[in-house]
Amino acid sequence: MSFLNIFGKKKTPKELLRENKRQIDRAIRDIDRERMSLQSQEKKLIVEMKKMAKNNQNEAAKVMAKSLIRMRHNITKYYTVKSQLQAVSMRMQVRCQSRSCYRLRPTHRSPPRRERLEDDVHSADPNPLSFPCPSLSRRRSRQRSPWRTP
C-alpha cells in the first residue's frame, strides 16, 4: 500500500491498471526466465541420457527419460500460464478502455433489447404470417440496394 493511499486518496482506474499490468508483466518475465532455464536443463539432460545409453546404463537412462517427460510437461504448463496471464492483462486493458468509453456516452440511452422485443411482440398483428422478424428487418435495412446511388 502506498503512502498516499493510507490517508484516503483513492487511485484512479488508470493507475490501478498500470500497477496491475506491471505486476503481470513482471510475472510473465519470471515465467519466461524459468521456462528458458528448464529448456536449457532439458538439452543437458538429453545429452546426458545419450551418454548413459552408450554406456549401457539403461536403468539410469529410463529415470532420466521420466524426468525429461516431467520437464517437458512443466514447460508446456509455463506456456499456458503465460498465455493466461497475457489474456488477463488484455482483458483488464479492454475493460478499462470500455469503461472510459462508457463515460463518454450520452446520458440518454435506449431501453434494453429485451424490452424492445417485448414491445414488438405486444404490438404485433394477431395473424402470425404478418408478424415481422426483428432480426430479419434489421438485416434487410443494412443491405444496400443495387439500384440505389450512394
C-alpha atoms as a PDB file:
ATOM      1  CA  MET A   1       0.000   0.000   0.000  1.00  0.00           C
ATOM      2  CA  SER A   2       1.400   3.372  -0.921  1.00  0.00           C
ATOM      3  CA  PHE A   3       1.873   6.277   1.471  1.00  0.00           C
ATOM      4  CA  LEU A   4      -0.838   8.421  -0.147  1.00  0.00           C
ATOM      5  CA  ASN A   5      -3.392   5.618  -0.080  1.00  0.00           C
ATOM      6  CA  ILE A   6      -3.228   5.407   3.752  1.00  0.00           C
ATOM      7  CA  PHE A   7      -4.664   8.908   4.105  1.00  0.00           C
ATOM      8  CA  GLY A   8      -7.622   8.252   1.834  1.00  0.00           C
ATOM      9  CA  LYS A   9      -6.502   9.310  -1.626  1.00  0.00           C
ATOM     10  CA  LYS A  10      -8.013   6.789  -3.999  1.00  0.00           C
ATOM     11  CA  LYS A  11      -6.182   5.642  -7.062  1.00  0.00           C
ATOM     12  CA  THR A  12      -7.773   6.185 -10.418  1.00  0.00           C
ATOM     13  CA  PRO A  13      -8.669   3.167 -12.540  1.00  0.00           C
ATOM     14  CA  LYS A  14      -5.853   4.121 -14.894  1.00  0.00           C
ATOM     15  CA  GLU A  15      -3.295   3.991 -12.057  1.00  0.00           C
ATOM     16  CA  LEU A  16      -4.676   0.669 -10.829  1.00  0.00           C
ATOM     17  CA  LEU A  17      -4.490  -0.732 -14.342  1.00  0.00           C
ATOM     18  CA  ARG A  18      -0.907   0.448 -14.692  1.00  0.00           C
ATOM     19  CA  GLU A  19       0.162  -1.163 -11.395  1.00  0.00           C
ATOM     20  CA  ASN A  20      -1.607  -4.440 -12.104  1.00  0.00           C
ATOM     21  CA  LYS A  21      -0.246  -4.570 -15.638  1.00  0.00           C
ATOM     22  CA  ARG A  22       3.268  -4.002 -14.300  1.00  0.00           C
ATOM     23  CA  GLN A  23       2.865  -6.888 -11.853  1.00  0.00           C
ATOM     24  CA  ILE A  24       1.509  -9.181 -14.549  1.00  0.00           C
ATOM     25  CA  ASP A  25       4.332  -8.256 -16.932  1.00  0.00           C
ATOM     26  CA  ARG A  26       6.869  -8.979 -14.200  1.00  0.00           C
ATOM     27  CA  ALA A  27       5.271 -12.371 -13.559  1.00  0.00           C
ATOM     28  CA  ILE A  28       5.356 -13.129 -17.293  1.00  0.00           C
ATOM     29  CA  ARG A  29       9.059 -12.278 -17.426  1.00  0.00           C
ATOM     30  CA  ASP A  30       9.722 -14.541 -14.429  1.00  0.00           C
ATOM     31  CA  ILE A  31       7.807 -17.368 -16.072  1.00  0.00           C
ATOM     32  CA  ASP A  32       9.760 -16.899 -19.305  1.00  0.00           C
ATOM     33  CA  ARG A  33      13.029 -16.953 -17.388  1.00  0.00           C
ATOM     34  CA  GLU A  34      12.052 -20.153 -15.590  1.00  0.00           C
ATOM     35  CA  ARG A  35      10.879 -21.777 -18.823  1.00  0.00           C
ATOM     36  CA  MET A  36      14.143 -20.936 -20.593  1.00  0.00           C
ATOM     37  CA  SER A  37      16.159 -22.415 -17.738  1.00  0.00           C
ATOM     38  CA  LEU A  38      14.053 -25.583 -17.925  1.00  0.00           C
ATOM     39  CA  GLN A  39      14.672 -25.775 -21.668  1.00  0.00           C
ATOM     40  CA  SER A  40      18.427 -25.491 -21.169  1.00  0.00           C
ATOM     41  CA  GLN A  41      18.253 -28.209 -18.487  1.00  0.00           C
ATOM     42  CA  GLU A  42      16.264 -30.326 -20.930  1.00  0.00           C
ATOM     43  CA  LYS A  43      19.024 -30.062 -23.539  1.00  0.00           C
ATOM     44  CA  LYS A  44      21.667 -31.003 -20.963  1.00  0.00           C
ATOM     45  CA  LEU A  45      19.554 -33.933 -19.806  1.00  0.00           C
ATOM     46  CA  ILE A  46      19.177 -35.230 -23.360  1.00  0.00           C
ATOM     47  CA  VAL A  47      22.969 -35.160 -23.828  1.00  0.00           C
ATOM     48  CA  GLU A  48      23.417 -36.952 -20.500  1.00  0.00           C
ATOM     49  CA  MET A  49      20.812 -39.579 -21.463  1.00  0.00           C
ATOM     50  CA  LYS A  50      22.644 -40.293 -24.719  1.00  0.00           C
ATOM     51  CA  LYS A  51      25.881 -40.806 -22.787  1.00  0.00           C
ATOM     52  CA  MET A  52      24.144 -43.192 -20.383  1.00  0.00           C
ATOM     53  CA  ALA A  53      22.607 -45.150 -23.258  1.00  0.00           C
ATOM     54  CA  LYS A  54      26.019 -45.536 -24.932  1.00  0.00           C
ATOM     55  CA  ASN A  55      27.482 -46.881 -21.690  1.00  0.00           C
ATOM     56  CA  ASN A  56      24.635 -49.443 -21.385  1.00  0.00           C
ATOM     57  CA  GLN A  57      23.244 -47.846 -18.220  1.00  0.00           C
ATOM     58  CA  ASN A  58      19.638 -48.358 -19.257  1.00  0.00           C
ATOM     59  CA  GLU A  59      18.062 -48.000 -15.790  1.00  0.00           C
ATOM     60  CA  ALA A  60      19.609 -44.586 -15.288  1.00  0.00           C
ATOM     61  CA  ALA A  61      18.528 -43.583 -18.805  1.00  0.00           C
ATOM     62  CA  LYS A  62      14.943 -44.621 -18.021  1.00  0.00           C
ATOM     63  CA  VAL A  63      14.907 -42.499 -14.882  1.00  0.00           C
ATOM     64  CA  MET A  64      16.262 -39.554 -16.865  1.00  0.00           C
ATOM     65  CA  ALA A  65      13.634 -40.117 -19.574  1.00  0.00           C
ATOM     66  CA  LYS A  66      10.885 -39.896 -16.956  1.00  0.00           C
ATOM     67  CA  SER A  67      12.316 -36.667 -15.594  1.00  0.00           C
ATOM     68  CA  LEU A  68      12.594 -35.382 -19.181  1.00  0.00           C
ATOM     69  CA  ILE A  69       8.883 -36.036 -19.685  1.00  0.00           C
ATOM     70  CA  ARG A  70       8.085 -34.211 -16.442  1.00  0.00           C
ATOM     71  CA  MET A  71      10.269 -31.318 -17.539  1.00  0.00           C
ATOM     72  CA  ARG A  72       8.538 -31.056 -20.925  1.00  0.00           C
ATOM     73  CA  HIS A  73       5.166 -31.149 -19.202  1.00  0.00           C
ATOM     74  CA  ASN A  74       6.248 -28.276 -16.943  1.00  0.00           C
ATOM     75  CA  ILE A  75       7.439 -26.291 -19.955  1.00  0.00           C
ATOM     76  CA  THR A  76       4.016 -26.626 -21.595  1.00  0.00           C
ATOM     77  CA  LYS A  77       2.409 -25.569 -18.305  1.00  0.00           C
ATOM     78  CA  TYR A  78       4.571 -22.445 -18.298  1.00  0.00           C
ATOM     79  CA  TYR A  79       3.416 -21.651 -21.827  1.00  0.00           C
ATOM     80  CA  THR A  80      -0.252 -21.967 -20.801  1.00  0.00           C
ATOM     81  CA  VAL A  81       0.223 -19.861 -17.664  1.00  0.00           C
ATOM     82  CA  LYS A  82       1.963 -17.179 -19.696  1.00  0.00           C
ATOM     83  CA  SER A  83      -0.857 -17.071 -22.244  1.00  0.00           C
ATOM     84  CA  GLN A  84      -3.454 -16.916 -19.451  1.00  0.00           C
ATOM     85  CA  LEU A  85      -1.641 -14.013 -17.812  1.00  0.00           C
ATOM     86  CA  GLN A  86      -1.454 -12.209 -21.144  1.00  0.00           C
ATOM     87  CA  ALA A  87      -5.194 -12.776 -21.615  1.00  0.00           C
ATOM     88  CA  VAL A  88      -5.923 -11.352 -18.164  1.00  0.00           C
ATOM     89  CA  SER A  89      -3.775  -8.324 -18.916  1.00  0.00           C
ATOM     90  CA  MET A  90      -5.548  -7.756 -22.196  1.00  0.00           C
ATOM     91  CA  ARG A  91      -8.976  -8.129 -20.573  1.00  0.00           C
ATOM     92  CA  MET A  92      -8.050  -5.554 -17.936  1.00  0.00           C
ATOM     93  CA  GLN A  93      -6.986  -3.085 -20.612  1.00  0.00           C
ATOM     94  CA  VAL A  94     -10.153  -3.637 -22.632  1.00  0.00           C
ATOM     95  CA  ARG A  95     -12.357  -3.219 -19.576  1.00  0.00           C
ATOM     96  CA  CYS A  96     -10.624  -0.004 -18.608  1.00  0.00           C
ATOM     97  CA  GLN A  97     -10.969   1.322 -22.144  1.00  0.00           C
ATOM     98  CA  SER A  98     -14.615   0.302 -22.380  1.00  0.00           C
ATOM     99  CA  ARG A  99     -15.283   1.947 -19.022  1.00  0.00           C
ATOM    100  CA  SER A 100     -13.813   5.213 -20.278  1.00  0.00           C
ATOM    101  CA  CYS A 101     -15.830   4.888 -23.492  1.00  0.00           C
ATOM    102  CA  TYR A 102     -18.950   4.246 -21.425  1.00  0.00           C
ATOM    103  CA  ARG A 103     -18.397   7.508 -19.563  1.00  0.00           C
ATOM    104  CA  LEU A 104     -18.246   9.362 -22.868  1.00  0.00           C
ATOM    105  CA  ARG A 105     -21.642   8.048 -23.955  1.00  0.00           C
ATOM    106  CA  PRO A 106     -24.602  10.416 -23.907  1.00  0.00           C
ATOM    107  CA  THR A 107     -26.853  10.192 -20.875  1.00  0.00           C
ATOM    108  CA  HIS A 108     -29.920   9.271 -22.943  1.00  0.00           C
ATOM    109  CA  ARG A 109     -29.968   5.553 -23.548  1.00  0.00           C
ATOM    110  CA  SER A 110     -32.438   3.367 -25.365  1.00  0.00           C
ATOM    111  CA  PRO A 111     -34.273   0.691 -23.366  1.00  0.00           C
ATOM    112  CA  PRO A 112     -32.652  -2.730 -23.144  1.00  0.00           C
ATOM    113  CA  ARG A 113     -33.122  -5.068 -26.077  1.00  0.00           C
ATOM    114  CA  ARG A 114     -35.470  -7.363 -24.166  1.00  0.00           C
ATOM    115  CA  GLU A 115     -37.970  -4.559 -23.539  1.00  0.00           C
ATOM    116  CA  ARG A 116     -37.865  -3.504 -27.187  1.00  0.00           C
ATOM    117  CA  LEU A 117     -38.618  -7.068 -28.295  1.00  0.00           C
ATOM    118  CA  GLU A 118     -41.490  -7.317 -25.800  1.00  0.00           C
ATOM    119  CA  ASP A 119     -42.931  -4.115 -27.212  1.00  0.00           C
ATOM    120  CA  ASP A 120     -42.667  -5.559 -30.717  1.00  0.00           C
ATOM    121  CA  VAL A 121     -44.464  -8.719 -29.616  1.00  0.00           C
ATOM    122  CA  HIS A 122     -47.327  -6.822 -27.973  1.00  0.00           C
ATOM    123  CA  SER A 123     -47.836  -4.540 -30.929  1.00  0.00           C
ATOM    124  CA  ALA A 124     -47.869  -7.385 -33.448  1.00  0.00           C
ATOM    125  CA  ASP A 125     -50.849  -8.426 -35.533  1.00  0.00           C
ATOM    126  CA  PRO A 126     -52.826 -11.445 -34.379  1.00  0.00           C
ATOM    127  CA  ASN A 127     -52.095 -13.043 -37.741  1.00  0.00           C
ATOM    128  CA  PRO A 128     -48.782 -14.922 -37.305  1.00  0.00           C
ATOM    129  CA  LEU A 129     -47.998 -14.765 -41.007  1.00  0.00           C
ATOM    130  CA  SER A 130     -47.793 -10.988 -40.994  1.00  0.00           C
ATOM    131  CA  PHE A 131     -45.517 -10.849 -37.928  1.00  0.00           C
ATOM    132  CA  PRO A 132     -42.148  -9.378 -38.969  1.00  0.00           C
ATOM    133  CA  CYS A 133     -38.983 -10.874 -37.582  1.00  0.00           C
ATOM    134  CA  PRO A 134     -36.972  -8.019 -35.975  1.00  0.00           C
ATOM    135  CA  SER A 135     -33.605  -9.573 -36.766  1.00  0.00           C
ATOM    136  CA  LEU A 136     -34.525 -10.015 -40.442  1.00  0.00           C
ATOM    137  CA  SER A 137     -35.817  -6.487 -40.757  1.00  0.00           C
ATOM    138  CA  ARG A 138     -32.554  -5.149 -39.294  1.00  0.00           C
ATOM    139  CA  ARG A 139     -30.538  -7.216 -41.744  1.00  0.00           C
ATOM    140  CA  ARG A 140     -32.639  -6.003 -44.653  1.00  0.00           C
ATOM    141  CA  SER A 141     -32.215  -2.379 -43.647  1.00  0.00           C
ATOM    142  CA  ARG A 142     -28.436  -2.795 -43.537  1.00  0.00           C
ATOM    143  CA  GLN A 143     -28.244  -4.255 -47.027  1.00  0.00           C
ATOM    144  CA  ARG A 144     -27.808  -1.716 -49.794  1.00  0.00           C
ATOM    145  CA  SER A 145     -29.992  -1.801 -52.801  1.00  0.00           C
ATOM    146  CA  PRO A 146     -28.042  -2.243 -56.065  1.00  0.00           C
ATOM    147  CA  TRP A 147     -30.312   0.354 -57.740  1.00  0.00           C
ATOM    148  CA  ARG A 148     -29.778   2.999 -55.127  1.00  0.00           C
ATOM    149  CA  THR A 149     -26.987   5.507 -55.670  1.00  0.00           C
ATOM    150  CA  PRO A 150     -24.680   6.264 -52.764  1.00  0.00           C
END
